[in-house]
């Protein structure tokens, strides 16, 4: 059964301990977001932004503060929210 938020639930908060690009997490998040009416999406991950960048782009030229992957994920989530004036945050905890 697909999880989703109804129209009275404008905010989604995802807590992840794995990289977003692994194990189908992004696809699952996309399904949930597309089936919902969220105006704000916040993603907390235990994996730092540099490690996400290594996973997405390979280890070459990735610095400790590399946030390209987080920028990519924010763009993807914004597309799933139909590019309306929505709030997307991707945070490392």
PDB file of N, CA and C in Angstrom:
ATOM      1  N   UNK A   1       0.838  -1.177   0.000  1.00  0.00           N
ATOM      2  CA  UNK A   1       0.000   0.000   0.000  1.00  0.00           C
ATOM      3  C   UNK A   1       0.884   1.241   0.000  1.00  0.00           C
ATOM      4  N   UNK A   2       0.630   2.148  -0.910  1.00  0.00           N
ATOM      5  CA  UNK A   2       1.389   3.381  -1.028  1.00  0.00           C
ATOM      6  C   UNK A   2       0.988   4.352   0.071  1.00  0.00           C
ATOM      7  N   UNK A   3       1.989   4.894   0.738  1.00  0.00           N
ATOM      8  CA  UNK A   3       1.743   5.908   1.741  1.00  0.00           C
ATOM      9  C   UNK A   3       1.631   7.259   1.053  1.00  0.00           C
ATOM     10  N   UNK A   4       0.792   8.127   1.595  1.00  0.00           N
ATOM     11  CA  UNK A   4       0.660   9.471   1.044  1.00  0.00           C
ATOM     12  C   UNK A   4       0.052  10.378   2.103  1.00  0.00           C
ATOM     13  N   UNK A   5       0.202  11.662   1.881  1.00  0.00           N
ATOM     14  CA  UNK A   5      -0.413  12.636   2.761  1.00  0.00           C
ATOM     15  C   UNK A   5      -1.674  13.175   2.113  1.00  0.00           C
ATOM     16  N   UNK A   6      -2.648  13.516   2.935  1.00  0.00           N
ATOM     17  CA  UNK A   6      -3.876  14.069   2.363  1.00  0.00           C
ATOM     18  C   UNK A   6      -3.781  15.595   2.325  1.00  0.00           C
ATOM     19  N   UNK A   7      -4.812  16.252   1.859  1.00  0.00           N
ATOM     20  CA  UNK A   7      -4.769  17.702   1.660  1.00  0.00           C
ATOM     21  C   UNK A   7      -4.620  18.478   2.965  1.00  0.00           C
ATOM     22  N   UNK A   8      -4.907  17.862   4.098  1.00  0.00           N
ATOM     23  CA  UNK A   8      -4.740  18.551   5.381  1.00  0.00           C
ATOM     24  C   UNK A   8      -3.341  18.343   5.966  1.00  0.00           C
ATOM     25  N   UNK A   9      -2.467  17.673   5.226  1.00  0.00           N
ATOM     26  CA  UNK A   9      -1.096  17.427   5.658  1.00  0.00           C
ATOM     27  C   UNK A   9      -0.145  18.084   4.658  1.00  0.00           C
ATOM     28  N   UNK A  10       0.168  19.377   4.864  1.00  0.00           N
ATOM     29  CA  UNK A  10       0.964  20.100   3.879  1.00  0.00           C
ATOM     30  C   UNK A  10       2.473  19.869   3.962  1.00  0.00           C
ATOM     31  N   UNK A  11       2.936  19.206   5.016  1.00  0.00           N
ATOM     32  CA  UNK A  11       4.376  19.052   5.208  1.00  0.00           C
ATOM     33  C   UNK A  11       4.755  17.582   5.306  1.00  0.00           C
ATOM     34  N   UNK A  12       5.867  17.242   4.615  1.00  0.00           N
ATOM     35  CA  UNK A  12       6.433  15.898   4.711  1.00  0.00           C
ATOM     36  C   UNK A  12       7.822  16.014   5.313  1.00  0.00           C
ATOM     37  N   UNK A  13       8.128  15.109   6.234  1.00  0.00           N
ATOM     38  CA  UNK A  13       9.459  15.037   6.819  1.00  0.00           C
ATOM     39  C   UNK A  13       9.934  13.598   6.675  1.00  0.00           C
ATOM     40  N   UNK A  14      11.056  13.427   5.988  1.00  0.00           N
ATOM     41  CA  UNK A  14      11.651  12.117   5.786  1.00  0.00           C
ATOM     42  C   UNK A  14      12.934  12.038   6.611  1.00  0.00           C
ATOM     43  N   UNK A  15      13.101  10.970   7.391  1.00  0.00           N
ATOM     44  CA  UNK A  15      14.320  10.697   8.148  1.00  0.00           C
ATOM     45  C   UNK A  15      14.960   9.454   7.536  1.00  0.00           C
ATOM     46  N   UNK A  16      16.173   9.616   7.009  1.00  0.00           N
ATOM     47  CA  UNK A  16      16.829   8.528   6.291  1.00  0.00           C
ATOM     48  C   UNK A  16      18.194   8.237   6.885  1.00  0.00           C
ATOM     49  N   UNK A  17      18.523   6.970   6.994  1.00  0.00           N
ATOM     50  CA  UNK A  17      19.852   6.591   7.470  1.00  0.00           C
ATOM     51  C   UNK A  17      20.721   6.079   6.326  1.00  0.00           C
ATOM     52  N   UNK A  18      20.155   5.985   5.140  1.00  0.00           N
ATOM     53  CA  UNK A  18      20.879   5.530   3.954  1.00  0.00           C
ATOM     54  C   UNK A  18      20.981   6.676   2.959  1.00  0.00           C
ATOM     55  N   UNK A  19      21.903   6.589   2.021  1.00  0.00           N
ATOM     56  CA  UNK A  19      21.989   7.608   0.969  1.00  0.00           C
ATOM     57  C   UNK A  19      20.697   7.649   0.151  1.00  0.00           C
ATOM     58  N   UNK A  20      20.311   8.827  -0.259  1.00  0.00           N
ATOM     59  CA  UNK A  20      19.071   8.974  -1.009  1.00  0.00           C
ATOM     60  C   UNK A  20      19.094   8.231  -2.329  1.00  0.00           C
ATOM     61  N   UNK A  21      20.261   8.123  -2.955  1.00  0.00           N
ATOM     62  CA  UNK A  21      20.352   7.481  -4.255  1.00  0.00           C
ATOM     63  C   UNK A  21      20.480   5.972  -4.204  1.00  0.00           C
ATOM     64  N   UNK A  22      20.270   5.370  -3.039  1.00  0.00           N
ATOM     65  CA  UNK A  22      20.452   3.919  -2.935  1.00  0.00           C
ATOM     66  C   UNK A  22      19.152   3.214  -2.591  1.00  0.00           C
ATOM     67  N   UNK A  23      19.039   1.984  -3.043  1.00  0.00           N
ATOM     68  CA  UNK A  23      17.925   1.130  -2.639  1.00  0.00           C
ATOM     69  C   UNK A  23      16.545   1.613  -3.014  1.00  0.00           C
ATOM     70  N   UNK A  24      16.434   2.451  -4.007  1.00  0.00           N
ATOM     71  CA  UNK A  24      15.119   2.898  -4.443  1.00  0.00           C
ATOM     72  C   UNK A  24      14.477   3.957  -3.562  1.00  0.00           C
ATOM     73  N   UNK A  25      15.249   4.597  -2.667  1.00  0.00           N
ATOM     74  CA  UNK A  25      14.671   5.613  -1.780  1.00  0.00           C
ATOM     75  C   UNK A  25      14.065   6.780  -2.549  1.00  0.00           C
ATOM     76  N   UNK A  26      14.782   7.273  -3.559  1.00  0.00           N
ATOM     77  CA  UNK A  26      14.247   8.401  -4.325  1.00  0.00           C
ATOM     78  C   UNK A  26      12.949   8.033  -5.033  1.00  0.00           C
ATOM     79  N   UNK A  27      12.880   6.831  -5.569  1.00  0.00           N
ATOM     80  CA  UNK A  27      11.656   6.392  -6.253  1.00  0.00           C
ATOM     81  C   UNK A  27      10.486   6.298  -5.272  1.00  0.00           C
ATOM     82  N   UNK A  28      10.763   5.798  -4.074  1.00  0.00           N
ATOM     83  CA  UNK A  28       9.717   5.707  -3.055  1.00  0.00           C
ATOM     84  C   UNK A  28       9.257   7.095  -2.632  1.00  0.00           C
ATOM     85  N   UNK A  29      10.227   7.992  -2.406  1.00  0.00           N
ATOM     86  CA  UNK A  29       9.870   9.371  -2.042  1.00  0.00           C
ATOM     87  C   UNK A  29       9.050  10.030  -3.149  1.00  0.00           C
ATOM     88  N   UNK A  30       9.437   9.802  -4.410  1.00  0.00           N
ATOM     89  CA  UNK A  30       8.708  10.380  -5.524  1.00  0.00           C
ATOM     90  C   UNK A  30       7.266   9.884  -5.543  1.00  0.00           C
ATOM     91  N   UNK A  31       7.059   8.592  -5.331  1.00  0.00           N
ATOM     92  CA  UNK A  31       5.703   8.036  -5.300  1.00  0.00           C
ATOM     93  C   UNK A  31       4.870   8.678  -4.198  1.00  0.00           C
ATOM     94  N   UNK A  32       5.462   8.826  -3.016  1.00  0.00           N
ATOM     95  CA  UNK A  32       4.744   9.427  -1.883  1.00  0.00           C
ATOM     96  C   UNK A  32       4.410  10.882  -2.176  1.00  0.00           C
ATOM     97  N   UNK A  33       5.398  11.633  -2.665  1.00  0.00           N
ATOM     98  CA  UNK A  33       5.192  13.056  -2.943  1.00  0.00           C
ATOM     99  C   UNK A  33       4.158  13.244  -4.052  1.00  0.00           C
ATOM    100  N   UNK A  34       4.253  12.450  -5.109  1.00  0.00           N
ATOM    101  CA  UNK A  34       3.294  12.580  -6.214  1.00  0.00           C
ATOM    102  C   UNK A  34       1.869  12.236  -5.793  1.00  0.00           C
ATOM    103  N   UNK A  35       1.711  11.367  -4.811  1.00  0.00           N
ATOM    104  CA  UNK A  35       0.378  10.960  -4.361  1.00  0.00           C
ATOM    105  C   UNK A  35      -0.167  11.885  -3.267  1.00  0.00           C
ATOM    106  N   UNK A  36       0.561  12.948  -2.963  1.00  0.00           N
ATOM    107  CA  UNK A  36       0.205  13.815  -1.844  1.00  0.00           C
ATOM    108  C   UNK A  36       0.006  15.256  -2.297  1.00  0.00           C
ATOM    109  N   UNK A  37      -0.283  16.130  -1.334  1.00  0.00           N
ATOM    110  CA  UNK A  37      -0.503  17.552  -1.591  1.00  0.00           C
ATOM    111  C   UNK A  37       0.461  18.389  -0.765  1.00  0.00           C
ATOM    112  N   UNK A  38       1.696  17.954  -0.668  1.00  0.00           N
ATOM    113  CA  UNK A  38       2.659  18.632   0.196  1.00  0.00           C
ATOM    114  C   UNK A  38       3.037  19.999  -0.354  1.00  0.00           C
ATOM    115  N   UNK A  39       3.224  20.943   0.564  1.00  0.00           N
ATOM    116  CA  UNK A  39       3.732  22.266   0.238  1.00  0.00           C
ATOM    117  C   UNK A  39       5.158  22.427   0.736  1.00  0.00           C
ATOM    118  N   UNK A  40       5.585  21.534   1.601  1.00  0.00           N
ATOM    119  CA  UNK A  40       6.931  21.598   2.153  1.00  0.00           C
ATOM    120  C   UNK A  40       7.450  20.181   2.353  1.00  0.00           C
ATOM    121  N   UNK A  41       8.688  19.946   1.949  1.00  0.00           N
ATOM    122  CA  UNK A  41       9.335  18.651   2.121  1.00  0.00           C
ATOM    123  C   UNK A  41      10.687  18.884   2.782  1.00  0.00           C
ATOM    124  N   UNK A  42      10.924  18.175   3.864  1.00  0.00           N
ATOM    125  CA  UNK A  42      12.198  18.251   4.569  1.00  0.00           C
ATOM    126  C   UNK A  42      12.763  16.842   4.623  1.00  0.00           C
ATOM    127  N   UNK A  43      14.035  16.709   4.235  1.00  0.00           N
ATOM    128  CA  UNK A  43      14.709  15.418   4.244  1.00  0.00           C
ATOM    129  C   UNK A  43      15.898  15.507   5.189  1.00  0.00           C
ATOM    130  N   UNK A  44      15.884  14.698   6.228  1.00  0.00           N
ATOM    131  CA  UNK A  44      17.018  14.560   7.134  1.00  0.00           C
ATOM    132  C   UNK A  44      17.737  13.268   6.777  1.00  0.00           C
ATOM    133  N   UNK A  45      19.041  13.342   6.632  1.00  0.00           N
ATOM    134  CA  UNK A  45      19.810  12.140   6.314  1.00  0.00           C
ATOM    135  C   UNK A  45      21.028  12.048   7.222  1.00  0.00           C
ATOM    136  N   UNK A  46      21.390  10.838   7.569  1.00  0.00           N
ATOM    137  CA  UNK A  46      22.569  10.598   8.403  1.00  0.00           C
ATOM    138  C   UNK A  46      23.841  10.514   7.560  1.00  0.00           C
ATOM    139  N   UNK A  47      23.696  10.660   6.244  1.00  0.00           N
ATOM    140  CA  UNK A  47      24.841  10.589   5.337  1.00  0.00           C
ATOM    141  C   UNK A  47      25.173  12.013   4.874  1.00  0.00           C
ATOM    142  N   UNK A  48      26.431  12.420   5.044  1.00  0.00           N
ATOM    143  CA  UNK A  48      26.826  13.798   4.732  1.00  0.00           C
ATOM    144  C   UNK A  48      26.707  14.098   3.236  1.00  0.00           C
ATOM    145  N   UNK A  49      26.637  15.380   2.913  1.00  0.00           N
ATOM    146  CA  UNK A  49      26.457  15.792   1.528  1.00  0.00           C
ATOM    147  C   UNK A  49      27.616  15.345   0.640  1.00  0.00           C
ATOM    148  N   UNK A  50      28.844  15.368   1.157  1.00  0.00           N
ATOM    149  CA  UNK A  50      29.992  14.935   0.356  1.00  0.00           C
ATOM    150  C   UNK A  50      29.877  13.458  -0.016  1.00  0.00           C
ATOM    151  N   UNK A  51      29.424  12.632   0.894  1.00  0.00           N
ATOM    152  CA  UNK A  51      29.272  11.201   0.592  1.00  0.00           C
ATOM    153  C   UNK A  51      28.170  10.988  -0.448  1.00  0.00           C
ATOM    154  N   UNK A  52      27.092  11.762  -0.364  1.00  0.00           N
ATOM    155  CA  UNK A  52      26.067  11.678  -1.401  1.00  0.00           C
ATOM    156  C   UNK A  52      26.662  12.044  -2.759  1.00  0.00           C
ATOM    157  N   UNK A  53      27.528  13.059  -2.785  1.00  0.00           N
ATOM    158  CA  UNK A  53      28.163  13.467  -4.035  1.00  0.00           C
ATOM    159  C   UNK A  53      29.091  12.375  -4.561  1.00  0.00           C
ATOM    160  N   UNK A  54      29.812  11.702  -3.670  1.00  0.00           N
ATOM    161  CA  UNK A  54      30.665  10.588  -4.094  1.00  0.00           C
ATOM    162  C   UNK A  54      29.810   9.497  -4.727  1.00  0.00           C
ATOM    163  N   UNK A  55      28.683   9.188  -4.122  1.00  0.00           N
ATOM    164  CA  UNK A  55      27.796   8.144  -4.637  1.00  0.00           C
ATOM    165  C   UNK A  55      27.216   8.541  -5.996  1.00  0.00           C
ATOM    166  N   UNK A  56      26.817   9.803  -6.140  1.00  0.00           N
ATOM    167  CA  UNK A  56      26.201  10.268  -7.387  1.00  0.00           C
ATOM    168  C   UNK A  56      27.213  10.491  -8.504  1.00  0.00           C
ATOM    169  N   UNK A  57      28.388  11.056  -8.160  1.00  0.00           N
ATOM    170  CA  UNK A  57      29.326  11.522  -9.182  1.00  0.00           C
ATOM    171  C   UNK A  57      30.666  10.808  -9.175  1.00  0.00           C
ATOM    172  N   UNK A  58      30.902   9.908  -8.241  1.00  0.00           N
ATOM    173  CA  UNK A  58      32.196   9.247  -8.127  1.00  0.00           C
ATOM    174  C   UNK A  58      33.137  10.064  -7.248  1.00  0.00           C
ATOM    175  N   UNK A  59      34.213   9.449  -6.792  1.00  0.00           N
ATOM    176  CA  UNK A  59      35.086  10.096  -5.810  1.00  0.00           C
ATOM    177  C   UNK A  59      35.979  11.203  -6.372  1.00  0.00           C
ATOM    178  N   UNK A  60      36.136  11.292  -7.674  1.00  0.00           N
ATOM    179  CA  UNK A  60      37.030  12.303  -8.245  1.00  0.00           C
ATOM    180  C   UNK A  60      36.513  13.716  -7.987  1.00  0.00           C
ATOM    181  N   UNK A  61      37.372  14.565  -7.473  1.00  0.00           N
ATOM    182  CA  UNK A  61      37.084  15.996  -7.280  1.00  0.00           C
ATOM    183  C   UNK A  61      35.940  16.291  -6.318  1.00  0.00           C
ATOM    184  N   UNK A  62      35.669  15.431  -5.382  1.00  0.00           N
ATOM    185  CA  UNK A  62      34.655  15.700  -4.363  1.00  0.00           C
ATOM    186  C   UNK A  62      35.361  16.209  -3.119  1.00  0.00           C
ATOM    187  N   UNK A  63      34.936  17.359  -2.627  1.00  0.00           N
ATOM    188  CA  UNK A  63      35.532  17.945  -1.435  1.00  0.00           C
ATOM    189  C   UNK A  63      34.670  17.657  -0.217  1.00  0.00           C
ATOM    190  N   UNK A  64      35.182  17.969   0.955  1.00  0.00           N
ATOM    191  CA  UNK A  64      34.442  17.711   2.198  1.00  0.00           C
ATOM    192  C   UNK A  64      33.115  18.449   2.268  1.00  0.00           C
ATOM    193  N   UNK A  65      33.035  19.605   1.632  1.00  0.00           N
ATOM    194  CA  UNK A  65      31.799  20.392   1.710  1.00  0.00           C
ATOM    195  C   UNK A  65      31.013  20.374   0.391  1.00  0.00           C
ATOM    196  N   UNK A  66      31.225  19.346  -0.417  1.00  0.00           N
ATOM    197  CA  UNK A  66      30.557  19.214  -1.708  1.00  0.00           C
ATOM    198  C   UNK A  66      29.068  18.969  -1.497  1.00  0.00           C
ATOM    199  N   UNK A  67      28.240  19.839  -2.037  1.00  0.00           N
ATOM    200  CA  UNK A  67      26.788  19.696  -1.845  1.00  0.00           C
ATOM    201  C   UNK A  67      26.037  19.517  -3.159  1.00  0.00           C
ATOM    202  N   UNK A  68      26.750  19.140  -4.224  1.00  0.00           N
ATOM    203  CA  UNK A  68      26.089  18.977  -5.535  1.00  0.00           C
ATOM    204  C   UNK A  68      24.946  17.973  -5.491  1.00  0.00           C
ATOM    205  N   UNK A  69      25.132  16.872  -4.779  1.00  0.00           N
ATOM    206  CA  UNK A  69      24.073  15.860  -4.727  1.00  0.00           C
ATOM    207  C   UNK A  69      22.839  16.403  -4.016  1.00  0.00           C
ATOM    208  N   UNK A  70      23.033  17.136  -2.909  1.00  0.00           N
ATOM    209  CA  UNK A  70      21.878  17.722  -2.221  1.00  0.00           C
ATOM    210  C   UNK A  70      21.154  18.693  -3.155  1.00  0.00           C
ATOM    211  N   UNK A  71      21.908  19.471  -3.931  1.00  0.00           N
ATOM    212  CA  UNK A  71      21.285  20.382  -4.891  1.00  0.00           C
ATOM    213  C   UNK A  71      20.482  19.600  -5.925  1.00  0.00           C
ATOM    214  N   UNK A  72      21.038  18.480  -6.392  1.00  0.00           N
ATOM    215  CA  UNK A  72      20.338  17.619  -7.343  1.00  0.00           C
ATOM    216  C   UNK A  72      19.039  17.083  -6.743  1.00  0.00           C
ATOM    217  N   UNK A  73      19.109  16.591  -5.508  1.00  0.00           N
ATOM    218  CA  UNK A  73      17.912  16.038  -4.857  1.00  0.00           C
ATOM    219  C   UNK A  73      16.849  17.111  -4.653  1.00  0.00           C
ATOM    220  N   UNK A  74      17.270  18.311  -4.242  1.00  0.00           N
ATOM    221  CA  UNK A  74      16.300  19.403  -4.071  1.00  0.00           C
ATOM    222  C   UNK A  74      15.607  19.713  -5.399  1.00  0.00           C
ATOM    223  N   UNK A  75      16.370  19.722  -6.489  1.00  0.00           N
ATOM    224  CA  UNK A  75      15.779  19.985  -7.813  1.00  0.00           C
ATOM    225  C   UNK A  75      14.777  18.901  -8.202  1.00  0.00           C
ATOM    226  N   UNK A  76      15.139  17.656  -7.942  1.00  0.00           N
ATOM    227  CA  UNK A  76      14.225  16.556  -8.266  1.00  0.00           C
ATOM    228  C   UNK A  76      12.937  16.657  -7.446  1.00  0.00           C
ATOM    229  N   UNK A  77      13.074  16.918  -6.158  1.00  0.00           N
ATOM    230  CA  UNK A  77      11.887  17.033  -5.308  1.00  0.00           C
ATOM    231  C   UNK A  77      11.034  18.208  -5.751  1.00  0.00           C
ATOM    232  N   UNK A  78      11.663  19.305  -6.131  1.00  0.00           N
ATOM    233  CA  UNK A  78      10.902  20.465  -6.604  1.00  0.00           C
ATOM    234  C   UNK A  78      10.103  20.109  -7.856  1.00  0.00           C
ATOM    235  N   UNK A  79      10.669  19.326  -8.747  1.00  0.00           N
ATOM    236  CA  UNK A  79       9.929  18.876  -9.926  1.00  0.00           C
ATOM    237  C   UNK A  79       8.727  18.029  -9.526  1.00  0.00           C
ATOM    238  N   UNK A  80       8.899  17.162  -8.534  1.00  0.00           N
ATOM    239  CA  UNK A  80       7.792  16.321  -8.082  1.00  0.00           C
ATOM    240  C   UNK A  80       6.690  17.148  -7.444  1.00  0.00           C
ATOM    241  N   UNK A  81       7.032  18.304  -6.900  1.00  0.00           N
ATOM    242  CA  UNK A  81       6.045  19.199  -6.296  1.00  0.00           C
ATOM    243  C   UNK A  81       5.452  20.146  -7.334  1.00  0.00           C
ATOM    244  N   UNK A  82       5.712  19.893  -8.600  1.00  0.00           N
ATOM    245  CA  UNK A  82       5.175  20.646  -9.730  1.00  0.00           C
ATOM    246  C   UNK A  82       5.672  22.083  -9.774  1.00  0.00           C
ATOM    247  N   UNK A  83       6.892  22.332  -9.271  1.00  0.00           N
ATOM    248  CA  UNK A  83       7.581  23.607  -9.378  1.00  0.00           C
ATOM    249  C   UNK A  83       6.800  24.800  -8.840  1.00  0.00           C
ATOM    250  N   UNK A  84       5.804  24.582  -8.044  1.00  0.00           N
ATOM    251  CA  UNK A  84       5.100  25.688  -7.420  1.00  0.00           C
ATOM    252  C   UNK A  84       5.971  26.232  -6.288  1.00  0.00           C
ATOM    253  N   UNK A  85       5.582  27.295  -5.697  1.00  0.00           N
ATOM    254  CA  UNK A  85       6.372  27.922  -4.636  1.00  0.00           C
ATOM    255  C   UNK A  85       6.387  27.041  -3.396  1.00  0.00           C
ATOM    256  N   UNK A  86       7.161  25.998  -3.459  1.00  0.00           N
ATOM    257  CA  UNK A  86       7.233  25.014  -2.386  1.00  0.00           C
ATOM    258  C   UNK A  86       8.571  25.134  -1.673  1.00  0.00           C
ATOM    259  N   UNK A  87       8.636  24.624  -0.468  1.00  0.00           N
ATOM    260  CA  UNK A  87       9.854  24.663   0.335  1.00  0.00           C
ATOM    261  C   UNK A  87      10.450  23.267   0.377  1.00  0.00           C
ATOM    262  N   UNK A  88      11.738  23.169   0.021  1.00  0.00           N
ATOM    263  CA  UNK A  88      12.449  21.891   0.078  1.00  0.00           C
ATOM    264  C   UNK A  88      13.740  22.099   0.843  1.00  0.00           C
ATOM    265  N   UNK A  89      13.977  21.269   1.835  1.00  0.00           N
ATOM    266  CA  UNK A  89      15.222  21.327   2.593  1.00  0.00           C
ATOM    267  C   UNK A  89      15.808  19.927   2.641  1.00  0.00           C
ATOM    268  N   UNK A  90      17.122  19.842   2.404  1.00  0.00           N
ATOM    269  CA  UNK A  90      17.837  18.586   2.538  1.00  0.00           C
ATOM    270  C   UNK A  90      18.940  18.832   3.563  1.00  0.00           C
ATOM    271  N   UNK A  91      18.890  18.118   4.689  1.00  0.00           N
ATOM    272  CA  UNK A  91      19.792  18.392   5.800  1.00  0.00           C
ATOM    273  C   UNK A  91      20.523  17.140   6.256  1.00  0.00           C
ATOM    274  N   UNK A  92      21.776  17.324   6.621  1.00  0.00           N
ATOM    275  CA  UNK A  92      22.601  16.254   7.193  1.00  0.00           C
ATOM    276  C   UNK A  92      22.563  16.407   8.709  1.00  0.00           C
ATOM    277  N   UNK A  93      22.244  15.303   9.418  1.00  0.00           N
ATOM    278  CA  UNK A  93      22.220  15.358  10.884  1.00  0.00           C
ATOM    279  C   UNK A  93      23.360  14.555  11.456  1.00  0.00           C
TER     280      UNK A  93
END
